Amino acid sequence: MVSAFSANQRKLIHMESQRDYLERRALEEDAAAERAPTDKVREVHVELASRYREAADGNAQAPPESPATTIRPKEFRILD
């Protein structure tokens, strides 16, 4: 029997990074451009591929995100 923790841990190990995702989407758009039935459709796919590549390159230079924080009003309190 697989525990929920180990199942989630395997999922996290296999998650692709944002950069990998953007690069993969660029390749998918390149492939879609090759299959495009018209020049206009091809242009759209080429443009999308270009945008994905730019985003992937920009993501590589971005600093790591800080951990999420919760902001609550001072008057907010947790009731027992």
N, C-alpha and C. Protein backbone atom coordinates (compact mmCIF):
# COMPACT_ATOMS: atom_id res chain seq x y z
N MET A 1 0.84 -1.18 0.00
CA MET A 1 0.00 0.00 0.00
C MET A 1 0.88 1.25 0.00
N VAL A 2 0.58 2.18 -0.87
CA VAL A 2 1.37 3.40 -1.00
C VAL A 2 0.74 4.49 -0.14
N SER A 3 1.56 5.10 0.69
CA SER A 3 1.02 6.17 1.53
C SER A 3 0.78 7.42 0.69
N ALA A 4 -0.09 8.26 1.19
CA ALA A 4 -0.39 9.52 0.48
C ALA A 4 0.86 10.38 0.39
N PHE A 5 1.68 10.34 1.43
CA PHE A 5 2.91 11.14 1.41
C PHE A 5 3.84 10.71 0.29
N SER A 6 4.10 9.42 0.18
CA SER A 6 5.03 8.97 -0.86
C SER A 6 4.45 9.18 -2.25
N ALA A 7 3.14 9.08 -2.40
CA ALA A 7 2.52 9.35 -3.70
C ALA A 7 2.70 10.82 -4.06
N ASN A 8 2.49 11.72 -3.10
CA ASN A 8 2.68 13.15 -3.36
C ASN A 8 4.15 13.48 -3.62
N GLN A 9 5.03 12.79 -2.91
CA GLN A 9 6.45 13.02 -3.09
C GLN A 9 6.87 12.64 -4.51
N ARG A 10 6.40 11.52 -5.01
CA ARG A 10 6.72 11.11 -6.39
C ARG A 10 6.18 12.13 -7.39
N LYS A 11 4.99 12.65 -7.12
CA LYS A 11 4.39 13.64 -8.01
C LYS A 11 5.27 14.88 -8.07
N LEU A 12 5.77 15.34 -6.93
CA LEU A 12 6.62 16.52 -6.89
C LEU A 12 7.94 16.29 -7.63
N ILE A 13 8.46 15.09 -7.55
CA ILE A 13 9.72 14.78 -8.22
C ILE A 13 9.54 14.87 -9.73
N HIS A 14 8.38 14.50 -10.24
CA HIS A 14 8.15 14.45 -11.67
C HIS A 14 7.54 15.72 -12.24
N MET A 15 7.30 16.72 -11.41
CA MET A 15 6.75 17.98 -11.91
C MET A 15 7.83 18.70 -12.71
N GLU A 16 7.44 19.25 -13.87
CA GLU A 16 8.40 19.99 -14.66
C GLU A 16 8.49 21.42 -14.15
N SER A 17 9.63 22.02 -14.34
CA SER A 17 9.80 23.41 -13.93
C SER A 17 9.02 24.31 -14.89
N GLN A 18 8.83 25.53 -14.49
CA GLN A 18 8.12 26.47 -15.35
C GLN A 18 8.89 26.68 -16.65
N ARG A 19 10.20 26.76 -16.54
CA ARG A 19 11.02 26.93 -17.75
C ARG A 19 10.86 25.73 -18.68
N ASP A 20 10.91 24.52 -18.14
CA ASP A 20 10.73 23.32 -18.96
C ASP A 20 9.35 23.33 -19.63
N TYR A 21 8.34 23.74 -18.88
CA TYR A 21 6.99 23.81 -19.43
C TYR A 21 6.94 24.78 -20.60
N LEU A 22 7.51 25.97 -20.42
CA LEU A 22 7.49 26.99 -21.47
C LEU A 22 8.27 26.52 -22.70
N GLU A 23 9.38 25.87 -22.49
CA GLU A 23 10.16 25.35 -23.63
C GLU A 23 9.39 24.25 -24.35
N ARG A 24 8.73 23.38 -23.58
CA ARG A 24 7.93 22.32 -24.20
C ARG A 24 6.79 22.92 -25.02
N ARG A 25 6.13 23.95 -24.48
CA ARG A 25 5.03 24.59 -25.22
C ARG A 25 5.53 25.24 -26.50
N ALA A 26 6.73 25.82 -26.46
CA ALA A 26 7.31 26.42 -27.67
C ALA A 26 7.51 25.34 -28.74
N LEU A 27 8.02 24.19 -28.33
CA LEU A 27 8.21 23.08 -29.28
C LEU A 27 6.87 22.60 -29.83
N GLU A 28 5.86 22.53 -28.98
CA GLU A 28 4.53 22.12 -29.45
C GLU A 28 3.96 23.12 -30.45
N GLU A 29 4.19 24.40 -30.22
CA GLU A 29 3.72 25.42 -31.16
C GLU A 29 4.50 25.34 -32.48
N ASP A 30 5.79 25.03 -32.42
CA ASP A 30 6.56 24.82 -33.65
C ASP A 30 5.97 23.68 -34.46
N ALA A 31 5.63 22.59 -33.78
CA ALA A 31 5.04 21.44 -34.46
C ALA A 31 3.68 21.80 -35.05
N ALA A 32 2.89 22.56 -34.31
CA ALA A 32 1.58 22.99 -34.81
C ALA A 32 1.75 23.89 -36.02
N ALA A 33 2.79 24.72 -36.02
CA ALA A 33 3.04 25.60 -37.17
C ALA A 33 3.36 24.78 -38.42
N GLU A 34 4.08 23.70 -38.24
CA GLU A 34 4.41 22.84 -39.38
C GLU A 34 3.17 22.17 -39.96
N ARG A 35 2.19 21.90 -39.12
CA ARG A 35 0.96 21.24 -39.57
C ARG A 35 -0.13 22.22 -39.98
N ALA A 36 0.11 23.50 -39.83
CA ALA A 36 -0.92 24.51 -40.05
C ALA A 36 -1.44 24.47 -41.49
N PRO A 37 -2.76 24.54 -41.65
CA PRO A 37 -3.35 24.45 -42.99
C PRO A 37 -3.23 25.74 -43.81
N THR A 38 -3.03 26.89 -43.13
CA THR A 38 -2.93 28.16 -43.85
C THR A 38 -1.75 28.97 -43.32
N ASP A 39 -1.34 29.94 -44.11
CA ASP A 39 -0.24 30.81 -43.69
C ASP A 39 -0.58 31.59 -42.43
N LYS A 40 -1.82 32.05 -42.32
CA LYS A 40 -2.24 32.83 -41.15
C LYS A 40 -2.15 31.99 -39.87
N VAL A 41 -2.62 30.77 -39.94
CA VAL A 41 -2.56 29.87 -38.78
C VAL A 41 -1.10 29.59 -38.44
N ARG A 42 -0.28 29.38 -39.45
CA ARG A 42 1.15 29.14 -39.24
C ARG A 42 1.78 30.34 -38.52
N GLU A 43 1.46 31.55 -38.96
CA GLU A 43 2.00 32.76 -38.34
C GLU A 43 1.63 32.85 -36.86
N VAL A 44 0.40 32.49 -36.55
CA VAL A 44 -0.06 32.54 -35.16
C VAL A 44 0.74 31.57 -34.31
N HIS A 45 0.94 30.35 -34.81
CA HIS A 45 1.71 29.36 -34.05
C HIS A 45 3.17 29.76 -33.90
N VAL A 46 3.74 30.34 -34.92
CA VAL A 46 5.13 30.81 -34.84
C VAL A 46 5.24 31.92 -33.80
N GLU A 47 4.27 32.83 -33.79
CA GLU A 47 4.26 33.92 -32.80
C GLU A 47 4.13 33.36 -31.38
N LEU A 48 3.23 32.39 -31.19
CA LEU A 48 3.08 31.79 -29.86
C LEU A 48 4.37 31.09 -29.42
N ALA A 49 5.01 30.38 -30.33
CA ALA A 49 6.28 29.71 -30.01
C ALA A 49 7.31 30.74 -29.58
N SER A 50 7.36 31.86 -30.28
CA SER A 50 8.30 32.92 -29.95
C SER A 50 8.02 33.47 -28.55
N ARG A 51 6.76 33.68 -28.24
CA ARG A 51 6.40 34.21 -26.92
C ARG A 51 6.76 33.22 -25.81
N TYR A 52 6.50 31.94 -26.06
CA TYR A 52 6.86 30.93 -25.06
C TYR A 52 8.37 30.92 -24.83
N ARG A 53 9.16 31.02 -25.91
CA ARG A 53 10.62 31.03 -25.76
C ARG A 53 11.09 32.27 -24.99
N GLU A 54 10.50 33.42 -25.30
CA GLU A 54 10.87 34.64 -24.57
C GLU A 54 10.55 34.50 -23.09
N ALA A 55 9.39 33.93 -22.80
CA ALA A 55 9.00 33.73 -21.39
C ALA A 55 9.95 32.75 -20.71
N ALA A 56 10.35 31.70 -21.41
CA ALA A 56 11.27 30.72 -20.84
C ALA A 56 12.62 31.37 -20.56
N ASP A 57 13.10 32.19 -21.49
CA ASP A 57 14.38 32.87 -21.29
C ASP A 57 14.29 33.88 -20.15
N GLY A 58 13.19 34.59 -20.07
CA GLY A 58 13.00 35.55 -18.98
C GLY A 58 12.87 34.86 -17.65
N ASN A 59 12.24 33.69 -17.65
CA ASN A 59 12.06 32.93 -16.41
C ASN A 59 13.39 32.42 -15.88
N ALA A 60 14.33 32.15 -16.77
CA ALA A 60 15.64 31.65 -16.34
C ALA A 60 16.40 32.73 -15.59
N GLN A 61 16.14 34.00 -15.91
CA GLN A 61 16.86 35.09 -15.29
C GLN A 61 16.13 35.66 -14.08
N ALA A 62 14.90 35.24 -13.87
CA ALA A 62 14.12 35.77 -12.76
C ALA A 62 14.64 35.21 -11.44
N PRO A 63 14.63 36.03 -10.41
CA PRO A 63 15.06 35.53 -9.10
C PRO A 63 14.03 34.54 -8.56
N PRO A 64 14.45 33.64 -7.69
CA PRO A 64 13.49 32.70 -7.14
C PRO A 64 12.40 33.44 -6.36
N GLU A 65 11.21 32.89 -6.42
CA GLU A 65 10.09 33.52 -5.73
C GLU A 65 10.23 33.30 -4.23
N SER A 66 9.85 34.33 -3.47
CA SER A 66 9.87 34.18 -2.02
C SER A 66 8.66 33.36 -1.59
N PRO A 67 8.75 32.74 -0.45
CA PRO A 67 7.62 31.94 0.02
C PRO A 67 6.38 32.80 0.20
N ALA A 68 5.24 32.22 -0.01
CA ALA A 68 3.98 32.94 0.15
C ALA A 68 3.78 33.29 1.62
N THR A 69 3.26 34.47 1.84
CA THR A 69 2.96 34.88 3.21
C THR A 69 1.49 35.27 3.28
N THR A 70 0.96 35.16 4.47
CA THR A 70 -0.43 35.52 4.68
C THR A 70 -0.47 36.85 5.42
N ILE A 71 -1.28 37.73 4.92
CA ILE A 71 -1.44 39.02 5.58
C ILE A 71 -2.85 39.06 6.17
N ARG A 72 -2.93 39.31 7.43
CA ARG A 72 -4.24 39.39 8.05
C ARG A 72 -4.36 40.70 8.80
N PRO A 73 -5.55 41.25 8.84
CA PRO A 73 -5.74 42.50 9.58
C PRO A 73 -5.43 42.30 11.06
N LYS A 74 -4.99 43.36 11.73
CA LYS A 74 -4.65 43.28 13.15
C LYS A 74 -5.86 42.88 13.99
N GLU A 75 -7.04 43.32 13.55
CA GLU A 75 -8.24 43.02 14.34
C GLU A 75 -8.74 41.58 14.14
N PHE A 76 -8.16 40.87 13.23
CA PHE A 76 -8.56 39.48 12.99
C PHE A 76 -7.96 38.60 14.05
N ARG A 77 -8.77 37.72 14.64
CA ARG A 77 -8.24 36.77 15.61
C ARG A 77 -8.92 35.42 15.42
N ILE A 78 -8.23 34.40 15.78
CA ILE A 78 -8.74 33.04 15.66
C ILE A 78 -9.48 32.70 16.93
N LEU A 79 -10.71 32.24 16.80
CA LEU A 79 -11.53 31.86 17.94
C LEU A 79 -11.34 30.37 18.22
N ASP A 80 -11.26 30.03 19.48
CA ASP A 80 -11.15 28.62 19.86
C ASP A 80 -12.51 27.99 19.97
